[in-house]
C-alpha atoms as a PDB file:
ATOM      1  CA  MET A   1      13.688  16.645 -34.464  1.00  0.00           C
ATOM      2  CA  ASN A   2      16.214  14.575 -32.493  1.00  0.00           C
ATOM      3  CA  ARG A   3      15.376  16.446 -29.297  1.00  0.00           C
ATOM      4  CA  LEU A   4      11.671  15.773 -29.772  1.00  0.00           C
ATOM      5  CA  ILE A   5      12.300  12.055 -30.232  1.00  0.00           C
ATOM      6  CA  ALA A   6      14.622  11.982 -27.211  1.00  0.00           C
ATOM      7  CA  ALA A   7      12.102  13.829 -25.044  1.00  0.00           C
ATOM      8  CA  THR A   8       9.279  11.527 -26.146  1.00  0.00           C
ATOM      9  CA  GLY A   9      11.389   8.449 -25.517  1.00  0.00           C
ATOM     10  CA  THR A  10      12.349   9.705 -22.075  1.00  0.00           C
ATOM     11  CA  ALA A  11       8.729  10.391 -21.182  1.00  0.00           C
ATOM     12  CA  VAL A  12       7.644   6.948 -22.389  1.00  0.00           C
ATOM     13  CA  ILE A  13      10.416   5.218 -20.445  1.00  0.00           C
ATOM     14  CA  ALA A  14       9.545   7.206 -17.312  1.00  0.00           C
ATOM     15  CA  ALA A  15       5.873   6.271 -17.647  1.00  0.00           C
ATOM     16  CA  VAL A  16       6.715   2.592 -18.107  1.00  0.00           C
ATOM     17  CA  LEU A  17       8.974   2.652 -15.044  1.00  0.00           C
ATOM     18  CA  ALA A  18       6.269   4.364 -12.973  1.00  0.00           C
ATOM     19  CA  VAL A  19       3.655   1.789 -13.968  1.00  0.00           C
ATOM     20  CA  GLY A  20       6.096  -1.039 -13.271  1.00  0.00           C
ATOM     21  CA  ALA A  21       6.909   0.386  -9.853  1.00  0.00           C
ATOM     22  CA  ALA A  22       3.210   0.719  -9.038  1.00  0.00           C
ATOM     23  CA  PHE A  23       2.537  -2.909  -9.986  1.00  0.00           C
ATOM     24  CA  GLY A  24       5.585  -3.989  -7.999  1.00  0.00           C
ATOM     25  CA  ILE A  25       4.430  -2.155  -4.882  1.00  0.00           C
ATOM     26  CA  VAL A  26       0.962  -3.683  -5.164  1.00  0.00           C
ATOM     27  CA  ALA A  27       2.489  -7.155  -5.584  1.00  0.00           C
ATOM     28  CA  VAL A  28       4.666  -6.696  -2.492  1.00  0.00           C
ATOM     29  CA  LEU A  29       1.721  -5.484  -0.425  1.00  0.00           C
ATOM     30  CA  ASP A  30      -0.390  -8.447  -1.511  1.00  0.00           C
ATOM     31  CA  ALA A  31       2.416 -10.896  -0.698  1.00  0.00           C
ATOM     32  CA  VAL A  32       2.442 -10.001   3.008  1.00  0.00           C
ATOM     33  CA  PRO A  33       0.548 -12.664   4.965  1.00  0.00           C
ATOM     34  CA  GLU A  34      -2.505 -11.509   6.835  1.00  0.00           C
ATOM     35  CA  GLN A  35      -2.305 -11.287  10.581  1.00  0.00           C
ATOM     36  CA  PRO A  36      -4.689 -13.434  12.611  1.00  0.00           C
ATOM     37  CA  ASN A  37      -7.730 -11.628  13.920  1.00  0.00           C
ATOM     38  CA  VAL A  38      -7.256 -12.604  17.560  1.00  0.00           C
ATOM     39  CA  PRO A  39      -8.112 -10.064  20.244  1.00  0.00           C
ATOM     40  CA  LEU A  40      -5.280  -9.162  22.601  1.00  0.00           C
ATOM     41  CA  VAL A  41      -7.630  -8.711  25.558  1.00  0.00           C
ATOM     42  CA  THR A  42     -10.658 -10.861  26.293  1.00  0.00           C
ATOM     43  CA  TYR A  43     -13.289 -10.343  28.959  1.00  0.00           C
ATOM     44  CA  ASP A  44     -15.243 -13.160  30.514  1.00  0.00           C
ATOM     45  CA  THR A  45     -18.965 -12.574  30.353  1.00  0.00           C
ATOM     46  CA  ALA A  46     -20.845 -13.005  33.601  1.00  0.00           C
ATOM     47  CA  PRO A  47     -23.965 -15.132  33.543  1.00  0.00           C
ATOM     48  CA  ALA A  48     -27.196 -13.185  33.311  1.00  0.00           C
ATOM     49  CA  SER A  49     -28.544 -12.566  36.822  1.00  0.00           C
ATOM     50  CA  ARG A  50     -32.268 -12.386  37.363  1.00  0.00           C
END
């Protein structure tokens, strides 16, 4: 019976750690500031010729 309790406790602790790590990773990814959406190359548009 002790082995069953130990195995269950280990599985529960592992699941809690996995969920905590997942939330931590999501929090770190959300904390990164967004980069500005500025094009690196711009092209001047020529006036319409008729």
